[in-house]
Amino acid sequence: MTTKYGSAQEIDQRLQKLGRQGRLGGKLLGIGFLMVFGTAILYAVLVMLATDLLESFGAMFFVPMPVGFLMIIIGAVITSKTGRERSQIQDAYIPIALDQAMDRVDQFWGATLDERYFKEELGLPMFDECSQSSYLKGVLRGIPLEMSCFVLKKETTKDDDNQPNYEIAFSGLMIVCRHTMELKEGFAFTQFTRLLGGMKTESEAFNKAFSIYAEGGLDVFRLLTPQYMEHLVSLPEVREKELGVRLCQDGTLLIVLEHRRIIVDSDDITTGSGMVEYMANHIRGIADTIDSLELPIQREA
């Protein structure tokens, strides 16, 4: 494959060089922080002890400080530069990874999920701002879906110019597809919060892992059978408390995975083909998670 960054061989060489530069930047950052904080701590100890060493050699303690700060600045510049260049190379390989992992790709980037999905009863925290990235629409293992990474932010204070300051309340991946159940009302089971008035099941393990929200009747128990609840609580995602699911009355199925992303990278990868395979395997991992939930999902014929 040849891209604007060169041939496959040239890209591999570039990735290897970026890897070396990134490791160098990381080492400079580490040594710089060690010099700055180590010197500060040592100086503080000598001040408390009021030793003669401070009077004799006090000025020398400030020599490592500017050197440490300089190393931190240089290390930060190097890691930032290598990160940007690596990200640019990754962008060129994303379409290939998507084609390998997906049955069909209809759209990547250039759109967002409907924000009303984030306001559905899923146990997500209250938020003032929702930002999305890496929107993807297509078919994954026969499932027509949309998904997007998102960050929910809560306003905390205002600065001197009366502009709001935010803190991150939640981040993760939302998957939107269709379920096959005919429901009189929607329901949700989530690990993100304990829902007020949440329903209980006969499974103590499930009640401990999830909070259930149901809009009235007993449709929820058509899905949450004892066998299915036992299966859910055994999943790694559930043990990590990163799952929320909502089946809407109109057939929409929402799945939220906390801290998950669509596109990932690893600095240990030093070839373009390895980068493609790593990204494709991560997307296949999302499909594995969806399959493991064993939900009544609508699939293409």
Protein backbone atom coordinates (compact mmCIF):
# COMPACT_ATOMS: atom_id res chain seq x y z
CA MET A 1 0.00 0.00 0.00
CA THR A 2 1.26 3.48 -0.89
CA THR A 3 -0.13 6.54 0.85
CA LYS A 4 0.80 10.21 0.99
CA TYR A 5 3.23 9.16 3.72
CA GLY A 6 5.09 6.85 1.34
CA SER A 7 5.24 3.14 0.60
CA ALA A 8 4.51 0.43 3.16
CA GLN A 9 8.24 -0.01 3.78
CA GLU A 10 8.78 3.71 4.24
CA ILE A 11 5.86 3.92 6.67
CA ASP A 12 7.22 0.99 8.67
CA GLN A 13 10.58 2.72 8.91
CA ARG A 14 8.86 5.93 9.95
CA LEU A 15 6.85 4.15 12.64
CA GLN A 16 10.00 2.53 14.01
CA LYS A 17 11.71 5.92 14.16
CA LEU A 18 8.68 7.48 15.85
CA GLY A 19 8.75 4.64 18.37
CA ARG A 20 12.37 5.38 19.27
CA GLN A 21 11.63 9.10 19.51
CA GLY A 22 8.59 8.47 21.67
CA ARG A 23 10.57 6.30 24.08
CA LEU A 24 13.25 8.98 24.26
CA GLY A 25 10.63 11.63 25.03
CA GLY A 26 9.14 9.44 27.74
CA LYS A 27 12.53 8.91 29.36
CA LEU A 28 13.28 12.63 29.32
CA LEU A 29 9.92 13.33 30.96
CA GLY A 30 10.54 10.72 33.64
CA ILE A 31 14.07 11.87 34.44
CA GLY A 32 13.01 15.52 34.41
CA PHE A 33 10.17 14.96 36.88
CA LEU A 34 12.47 12.88 39.07
CA MET A 35 15.09 15.66 39.14
CA VAL A 36 12.59 18.43 39.89
CA PHE A 37 10.57 16.67 42.58
CA GLY A 38 13.54 14.81 44.01
CA THR A 39 15.46 18.05 44.45
CA ALA A 40 12.43 19.80 45.97
CA ILE A 41 11.84 16.99 48.47
CA LEU A 42 15.50 16.79 49.46
CA TYR A 43 15.67 20.56 49.95
CA ALA A 44 12.52 20.49 52.09
CA VAL A 45 13.96 17.73 54.28
CA LEU A 46 17.17 19.66 54.82
CA VAL A 47 15.18 22.79 55.71
CA MET A 48 13.23 20.87 58.34
CA LEU A 49 16.39 19.32 59.75
CA ALA A 50 18.20 22.68 59.65
CA THR A 51 21.49 20.94 58.91
CA ASP A 52 24.80 22.57 58.10
CA LEU A 53 24.64 20.91 54.66
CA LEU A 54 21.91 23.34 53.63
CA GLU A 55 24.05 26.33 54.51
CA SER A 56 27.14 24.90 52.81
CA PHE A 57 25.59 23.45 49.67
CA GLY A 58 22.12 25.03 49.49
CA ALA A 59 22.75 26.80 46.19
CA MET A 60 23.74 23.53 44.56
CA PHE A 61 20.27 22.10 45.15
CA PHE A 62 18.83 24.56 42.65
CA VAL A 63 21.14 23.47 39.82
CA PRO A 64 19.14 20.32 38.95
CA MET A 65 15.83 22.22 38.99
CA PRO A 66 16.21 24.19 35.73
CA VAL A 67 17.85 21.17 34.09
CA GLY A 68 14.89 19.02 35.13
CA PHE A 69 12.36 21.57 33.85
CA LEU A 70 14.25 21.76 30.55
CA MET A 71 14.15 17.97 30.19
CA ILE A 72 10.42 17.99 30.90
CA ILE A 73 9.81 20.62 28.22
CA ILE A 74 11.96 18.81 25.63
CA GLY A 75 10.36 15.45 26.47
CA ALA A 76 6.86 16.91 26.19
CA VAL A 77 7.63 18.47 22.80
CA ILE A 78 9.06 15.19 21.47
CA THR A 79 6.16 13.03 22.69
CA SER A 80 3.59 15.51 21.38
CA LYS A 81 5.25 15.68 17.96
CA THR A 82 5.63 11.92 17.62
CA GLY A 83 2.04 11.41 18.79
CA ARG A 84 0.69 13.77 16.12
CA GLU A 85 2.71 12.13 13.36
CA ARG A 86 1.69 8.65 14.46
CA SER A 87 -1.95 9.72 14.57
CA GLN A 88 -1.70 11.05 11.00
CA ILE A 89 -0.30 7.72 9.79
CA GLN A 90 -3.02 5.86 11.68
CA ASP A 91 -5.72 7.94 9.97
CA ALA A 92 -4.50 6.64 6.61
CA TYR A 93 -4.93 3.03 7.77
CA ILE A 94 -8.30 3.35 9.52
CA PRO A 95 -10.39 2.70 6.36
CA ILE A 96 -8.44 -0.51 5.72
CA ALA A 97 -8.97 -1.71 9.29
CA LEU A 98 -12.69 -0.93 9.09
CA ASP A 99 -13.01 -2.83 5.81
CA GLN A 100 -11.32 -5.85 7.40
CA ALA A 101 -13.44 -5.86 10.56
CA MET A 102 -16.85 -4.75 9.27
CA ASP A 103 -19.26 -6.44 6.87
CA ARG A 104 -19.98 -3.02 5.41
CA VAL A 105 -18.98 0.54 6.23
CA ASP A 106 -21.59 3.18 5.36
CA GLN A 107 -20.01 6.18 7.10
CA PHE A 108 -17.08 7.03 9.34
CA TRP A 109 -16.84 10.48 10.92
CA GLY A 110 -18.93 13.38 9.62
CA ALA A 111 -21.99 12.66 11.80
CA THR A 112 -23.10 12.04 15.39
CA LEU A 113 -25.67 9.97 17.21
CA ASP A 114 -28.95 11.62 18.13
CA GLU A 115 -28.32 13.29 21.49
CA ARG A 116 -31.68 12.11 22.79
CA TYR A 117 -30.15 8.62 23.14
CA PHE A 118 -27.88 9.93 25.90
CA LYS A 119 -30.92 11.19 27.79
CA GLU A 120 -32.65 7.81 27.79
CA GLU A 121 -32.92 6.04 31.13
CA LEU A 122 -29.58 4.26 31.10
CA GLY A 123 -28.17 5.36 34.41
CA LEU A 124 -25.84 7.86 32.77
CA PRO A 125 -25.02 10.90 34.93
CA MET A 126 -26.65 14.27 34.41
CA PHE A 127 -24.63 16.38 32.00
CA ASP A 128 -24.45 19.87 30.54
CA GLU A 129 -22.42 19.05 27.44
CA CYS A 130 -22.05 15.95 25.27
CA SER A 131 -19.20 15.61 22.78
CA GLN A 132 -18.88 12.75 20.29
CA SER A 133 -16.10 11.37 18.11
CA SER A 134 -15.33 8.46 15.77
CA TYR A 135 -18.93 8.08 14.56
CA LEU A 136 -19.30 4.80 12.65
CA LYS A 137 -22.28 3.44 10.73
CA GLY A 138 -22.40 0.11 8.96
CA VAL A 139 -22.91 -3.61 9.46
CA LEU A 140 -20.87 -5.61 11.97
CA ARG A 141 -21.33 -9.39 12.01
CA GLY A 142 -24.70 -9.02 10.36
CA ILE A 143 -25.88 -6.28 12.73
CA PRO A 144 -26.83 -2.91 11.17
CA LEU A 145 -25.67 -0.37 13.71
CA GLU A 146 -24.35 3.06 14.53
CA MET A 147 -21.82 3.73 17.22
CA SER A 148 -19.90 6.67 18.57
CA CYS A 149 -17.45 7.47 21.34
CA PHE A 150 -18.77 10.13 23.68
CA VAL A 151 -17.85 12.25 26.68
CA LEU A 152 -20.42 13.71 29.07
CA LYS A 153 -19.33 16.87 30.89
CA LYS A 154 -20.82 18.59 33.90
CA GLU A 155 -20.44 22.32 34.48
CA THR A 156 -18.60 23.04 37.70
CA THR A 157 -17.67 26.72 38.01
CA LYS A 158 -17.29 29.82 35.86
CA ASP A 159 -14.01 31.59 35.21
CA ASP A 160 -13.33 35.33 35.51
CA ASP A 161 -14.87 35.90 32.06
CA ASN A 162 -18.05 34.08 33.14
CA GLN A 163 -17.20 31.15 30.86
CA PRO A 164 -18.14 27.73 32.24
CA ASN A 165 -15.59 25.18 33.39
CA TYR A 166 -16.42 21.51 32.94
CA GLU A 167 -15.39 18.21 34.43
CA ILE A 168 -15.80 14.84 32.77
CA ALA A 169 -18.72 12.95 34.26
CA PHE A 170 -18.62 9.89 31.97
CA SER A 171 -16.92 8.60 28.84
CA GLY A 172 -17.50 5.53 26.75
CA LEU A 173 -18.95 3.99 23.61
CA MET A 174 -22.63 3.93 22.63
CA ILE A 175 -23.92 1.36 20.16
CA VAL A 176 -27.33 1.86 18.55
CA CYS A 177 -29.07 -0.99 16.73
CA ARG A 178 -32.48 -2.73 16.71
CA HIS A 179 -33.95 -5.47 18.89
CA THR A 180 -36.57 -8.03 17.91
CA MET A 181 -38.80 -7.98 21.00
CA GLU A 182 -42.35 -6.63 20.88
CA LEU A 183 -42.63 -4.48 23.98
CA LYS A 184 -45.46 -2.65 25.66
CA GLU A 185 -42.88 -0.52 27.45
CA GLY A 186 -39.14 -0.06 27.39
CA PHE A 187 -36.73 -1.18 30.07
CA ALA A 188 -33.06 -0.92 30.96
CA PHE A 189 -30.49 -2.62 33.14
CA THR A 190 -27.37 -0.67 34.00
CA GLN A 191 -24.27 -0.68 36.17
CA PHE A 192 -23.63 3.06 36.06
CA THR A 193 -25.87 4.07 38.95
CA ARG A 194 -28.46 2.70 41.33
CA LEU A 195 -31.79 3.75 39.82
CA LEU A 196 -34.36 5.12 42.24
CA GLY A 197 -37.16 2.59 42.57
CA GLY A 198 -35.28 0.02 40.48
CA MET A 199 -36.88 -3.41 40.16
CA LYS A 200 -35.45 -6.46 41.87
CA THR A 201 -35.04 -10.00 40.56
CA GLU A 202 -34.74 -13.35 42.28
CA SER A 203 -30.99 -13.30 41.57
CA GLU A 204 -29.00 -11.56 44.32
CA ALA A 205 -25.90 -11.59 42.11
CA PHE A 206 -27.78 -9.78 39.35
CA ASN A 207 -29.34 -7.29 41.77
CA LYS A 208 -25.87 -6.52 43.10
CA ALA A 209 -24.42 -6.07 39.60
CA PHE A 210 -27.27 -4.17 37.93
CA SER A 211 -30.03 -1.68 38.56
CA ILE A 212 -33.22 -2.27 36.56
CA TYR A 213 -35.55 0.39 35.21
CA ALA A 214 -38.88 -0.76 33.74
CA GLU A 215 -41.73 1.46 32.64
CA GLY A 216 -44.54 -0.51 34.16
CA GLY A 217 -45.20 -4.14 33.27
CA LEU A 218 -43.19 -7.31 33.25
CA ASP A 219 -41.70 -7.24 29.73
CA VAL A 220 -38.26 -7.01 31.33
CA PHE A 221 -38.57 -10.53 32.74
CA ARG A 222 -39.18 -12.00 29.30
CA LEU A 223 -35.49 -11.26 28.73
CA LEU A 224 -34.10 -11.50 32.26
CA THR A 225 -34.66 -15.19 32.86
CA PRO A 226 -32.65 -16.90 35.63
CA GLN A 227 -30.38 -18.52 33.04
CA TYR A 228 -29.80 -15.26 31.19
CA MET A 229 -29.06 -13.31 34.37
CA GLU A 230 -26.55 -15.97 35.41
CA HIS A 231 -24.89 -15.65 32.01
CA LEU A 232 -24.70 -11.84 32.20
CA VAL A 233 -23.06 -11.66 35.62
CA SER A 234 -20.31 -14.01 34.38
CA LEU A 235 -19.17 -11.63 31.60
CA PRO A 236 -15.89 -9.68 31.95
CA GLU A 237 -17.64 -6.40 31.07
CA VAL A 238 -20.08 -6.93 33.91
CA ARG A 239 -17.32 -7.78 36.38
CA GLU A 240 -15.66 -4.50 35.39
CA LYS A 241 -18.99 -2.65 35.87
CA GLU A 242 -18.91 -1.03 32.44
CA LEU A 243 -22.26 -2.06 30.90
CA GLY A 244 -25.61 -0.41 30.36
CA VAL A 245 -28.40 -1.73 28.08
CA ARG A 246 -31.76 -0.25 27.12
CA LEU A 247 -34.46 -1.85 24.97
CA CYS A 248 -36.89 0.86 23.81
CA GLN A 249 -40.55 0.29 23.00
CA ASP A 250 -39.98 1.45 19.39
CA GLY A 251 -37.41 -1.31 18.75
CA THR A 252 -34.26 0.73 19.37
CA LEU A 253 -31.54 -1.06 21.31
CA LEU A 254 -28.89 1.00 23.13
CA ILE A 255 -25.69 -0.52 24.49
CA VAL A 256 -23.19 1.58 26.44
CA LEU A 257 -19.69 0.35 27.27
CA GLU A 258 -17.82 2.63 29.66
CA HIS A 259 -14.25 3.63 28.74
CA ARG A 260 -14.40 1.79 25.39
CA ARG A 261 -13.32 3.34 22.10
CA ILE A 262 -13.70 2.46 18.42
CA ILE A 263 -10.20 3.32 17.19
CA VAL A 264 -7.19 2.42 19.35
CA ASP A 265 -3.44 2.30 18.90
CA SER A 266 -0.38 0.95 20.70
CA ASP A 267 3.08 2.51 20.65
CA ASP A 268 4.54 -1.00 20.58
CA ILE A 269 3.31 -1.48 17.00
CA THR A 270 6.01 -0.57 14.49
CA THR A 271 4.48 -1.61 11.15
CA GLY A 272 1.53 -0.37 9.13
CA SER A 273 0.14 -3.89 8.74
CA GLY A 274 0.42 -4.38 12.50
CA MET A 275 -1.45 -1.13 13.08
CA VAL A 276 -4.25 -2.25 10.74
CA GLU A 277 -4.51 -5.65 12.43
CA TYR A 278 -4.53 -4.09 15.92
CA MET A 279 -7.37 -1.70 15.04
CA ALA A 280 -9.35 -4.40 13.22
CA ASN A 281 -8.99 -6.81 16.15
CA HIS A 282 -10.25 -4.13 18.53
CA ILE A 283 -13.38 -3.64 16.44
CA ARG A 284 -13.83 -7.41 16.31
CA GLY A 285 -13.56 -7.29 20.10
CA ILE A 286 -16.52 -4.90 20.19
CA ALA A 287 -18.44 -7.42 18.07
CA ASP A 288 -17.40 -10.19 20.49
CA THR A 289 -18.80 -8.14 23.38
CA ILE A 290 -22.10 -7.58 21.57
CA ASP A 291 -22.35 -11.29 20.77
CA SER A 292 -21.53 -12.26 24.36
CA LEU A 293 -24.51 -10.24 25.63
CA GLU A 294 -26.82 -12.62 23.73
CA LEU A 295 -29.43 -9.90 23.26
CA PRO A 296 -32.35 -10.29 20.82
CA ILE A 297 -30.64 -8.19 18.14
CA GLN A 298 -32.00 -7.66 14.66
CA ARG A 299 -29.56 -8.89 12.01
CA GLU A 300 -29.47 -8.72 8.24
CA ALA A 301 -30.75 -11.78 6.43
